[in-house]
Structure formats: C-alpha cells, structure tokens
Protein backbone atom coordinates (compact mmCIF):
# COMPACT_ATOMS: atom_id res chain seq x y z
CA MET A 1 -238.26 180.41 41.88
CA PRO A 2 -238.71 183.87 43.42
CA GLN A 3 -235.53 185.91 43.83
CA GLU A 4 -236.52 187.35 47.21
CA ASN A 5 -237.93 185.60 50.22
CA PRO A 6 -241.42 187.13 50.70
CA TYR A 7 -241.79 185.87 54.30
CA SER A 8 -240.51 186.72 57.75
CA GLY A 9 -239.86 184.70 60.88
CA ARG A 10 -240.52 180.97 60.80
CA GLU A 11 -242.08 181.09 57.34
CA ALA A 12 -238.92 182.71 55.92
CA VAL A 13 -236.88 179.76 57.16
CA MET A 14 -239.38 177.28 55.71
CA PHE A 15 -239.31 179.10 52.37
CA ASP A 16 -235.50 178.85 52.30
CA PHE A 17 -235.75 175.10 53.02
CA ALA A 18 -238.24 174.79 50.15
CA CYS A 19 -235.90 176.66 47.78
CA ASP A 20 -232.99 174.39 48.73
CA ALA A 21 -235.14 171.29 48.17
CA GLN A 22 -236.35 172.61 44.81
CA LYS A 23 -232.73 173.04 43.66
CA ARG A 24 -232.23 169.32 44.35
CA GLY A 25 -235.43 168.37 42.50
CA GLU A 26 -237.24 167.65 45.78
CA HIS A 27 -240.23 169.13 47.62
CA PHE A 28 -240.24 170.54 51.17
CA PHE A 29 -243.28 170.41 53.45
CA TYR A 30 -243.74 171.54 57.05
CA ILE A 31 -246.30 169.75 59.19
CA LYS A 32 -247.71 172.10 61.84
CA ILE A 33 -249.38 170.22 64.69
CA PRO A 34 -251.21 172.34 67.30
CA GLY A 35 -251.11 171.51 70.97
CA ASN A 36 -248.80 170.94 73.90
CA ILE A 37 -246.89 168.00 72.37
CA GLY A 38 -243.30 167.64 73.56
CA PRO A 39 -240.36 166.38 71.50
CA VAL A 40 -240.47 162.75 72.71
CA GLU A 41 -244.22 162.46 72.17
CA ARG A 42 -243.91 164.17 68.76
CA GLY A 43 -241.29 161.62 67.73
CA ASP A 44 -243.13 158.59 69.05
CA ARG A 45 -246.60 159.60 67.82
CA PHE A 46 -245.81 161.25 64.50
CA GLU A 47 -242.20 161.57 63.30
CA ASP A 48 -241.08 157.95 63.61
CA PRO A 49 -244.19 156.32 62.08
CA LEU A 50 -244.29 158.93 59.31
CA ALA A 51 -240.58 158.48 58.56
CA ASP A 52 -241.06 154.71 58.34
CA LYS A 53 -244.03 155.10 55.99
CA LEU A 54 -242.38 157.65 53.66
CA SER A 55 -239.05 155.86 53.42
CA GLY A 56 -240.72 152.45 53.13
CA LEU A 57 -242.66 153.66 50.10
CA GLY A 58 -239.64 155.47 48.67
CA VAL A 59 -241.39 158.85 48.43
CA GLY A 60 -239.47 160.93 50.97
CA ASN A 61 -238.19 161.29 54.50
CA VAL A 62 -238.53 163.23 57.73
CA CYS A 63 -235.58 165.62 58.02
CA GLY A 64 -236.30 167.60 61.19
CA GLY A 65 -238.73 168.84 63.76
CA GLY A 66 -239.20 171.34 66.52
CA SER A 67 -241.54 173.10 68.90
CA GLN A 68 -242.88 176.62 69.28
CA LEU A 69 -243.09 177.59 72.93
CA GLY A 70 -246.19 179.31 74.22
CA GLU A 71 -246.79 181.00 77.56
CA GLY A 72 -244.99 179.53 80.53
CA LYS A 73 -243.58 176.13 79.76
CA THR A 74 -246.30 175.09 77.33
CA ILE A 75 -245.82 174.24 73.68
CA GLU A 76 -248.08 176.14 71.27
CA TYR A 77 -247.43 173.77 68.37
CA CYS A 78 -244.84 171.37 67.09
CA GLY A 79 -243.60 170.84 63.59
CA ILE A 80 -242.08 168.20 61.38
CA ASP A 81 -239.91 168.94 58.34
CA VAL A 82 -240.39 166.59 55.40
CA ILE A 83 -238.60 166.25 52.07
CA LEU A 84 -240.49 164.43 49.31
CA THR A 85 -239.05 163.01 46.12
CA LYS A 86 -242.54 162.36 44.74
CA ARG A 87 -244.79 165.33 45.52
CA GLU A 88 -248.33 164.09 44.86
CA GLU A 89 -247.81 160.56 46.15
CA GLY A 90 -245.86 161.77 49.17
CA LEU A 91 -248.40 164.43 50.12
CA ALA A 92 -251.19 161.84 49.97
CA VAL A 93 -249.13 159.55 52.23
CA ILE A 94 -248.51 162.37 54.74
CA LEU A 95 -252.20 163.32 54.95
CA ALA A 96 -253.40 159.71 55.26
CA ALA A 97 -250.74 158.87 57.85
CA LEU A 98 -251.56 161.90 60.00
CA ARG A 99 -255.25 160.97 59.98
CA ALA A 100 -254.39 157.36 60.89
CA LEU A 101 -252.10 158.61 63.68
CA ASP A 102 -254.97 160.74 65.05
CA ALA A 103 -253.27 164.10 64.56
CA PRO A 104 -255.10 166.89 66.41
CA ALA A 105 -257.75 168.99 64.67
CA GLY A 106 -256.13 172.01 63.06
CA THR A 107 -253.05 170.11 61.84
CA VAL A 108 -251.90 171.42 58.45
CA VAL A 109 -249.22 170.51 55.96
CA GLU A 110 -247.61 173.73 54.74
CA GLU A 111 -246.22 173.94 51.20
CA TYR A 112 -244.11 176.91 50.11
CA LEU A 113 -243.27 176.27 46.46
CA PRO A 114 -244.37 176.69 43.76
CA THR A 115 -247.00 178.65 45.77
CA ARG A 116 -247.85 178.88 49.47
CA ILE A 117 -250.62 176.40 50.30
CA ASP A 118 -251.95 174.97 53.57
CA HIS A 119 -253.16 171.39 53.15
CA PRO A 120 -255.50 170.66 56.09
CA VAL A 121 -255.30 167.10 57.42
CA TYR A 122 -259.03 167.10 58.07
CA ALA A 123 -260.85 168.82 55.21
C-alpha cells in the first residue's frame, strides 16, 4: 500500500476509503453515475437493488452514496460506495447489475487499489 495519498479532492477521499478496506481484507469501489439523479431516485434505482444483490450473494455491501452538485440546483453525477469481500465476483455482480438497472451511459466503477482503474459499465 502506498505511504502517501497521490490524489486530491474526491479521489483522495476514495483512496483513503480503499486503504481502510484493504486493511480489513476488503475491496472498496466507487460507482460514478452521470446525470441529474437525486438521492431518492439513486436509492430506488441503484443503491437498494444493488445492495440486495451483493448481500444476497454474500460478496459485499453498499456502504454509502452521495451527489456532486453542478450549476444551479442540478446534480452533475451521483455516486455509490461499495465494499466487496470477494473482488472478482463482486465486481462482475456490480457491472451486470448496473447494466440490468439501465445505468446511464458513462457510468464507471472506480477502483483505487492495488492500482487506479475505471471499469466502464458499458465497454
């Protein structure tokens, strides 16, 4: 694990979450969903179904979420924090679930450790 956080802003926070998860033997992922999607819609459309799927399969859980405000009162993108206990299986579940839930084009699953990788939902 790197000694220093190489990021700034939001990515620095995500990296710290990933380091904390790694210390517990888990894997942190951040799902970045573009568009003006508010907290209730984010929960109903994505967080709740994804949480049910991950926990039902015993591969992880949803542990948070939020929104990045854009100009005015719009939301630029929303995000979902996920902790996986089984990296490969859990990542496959996340990507398949987001496609099944009709996530918007441009949705990516960000991974910070062991290296920074964006996993596009639609390759």
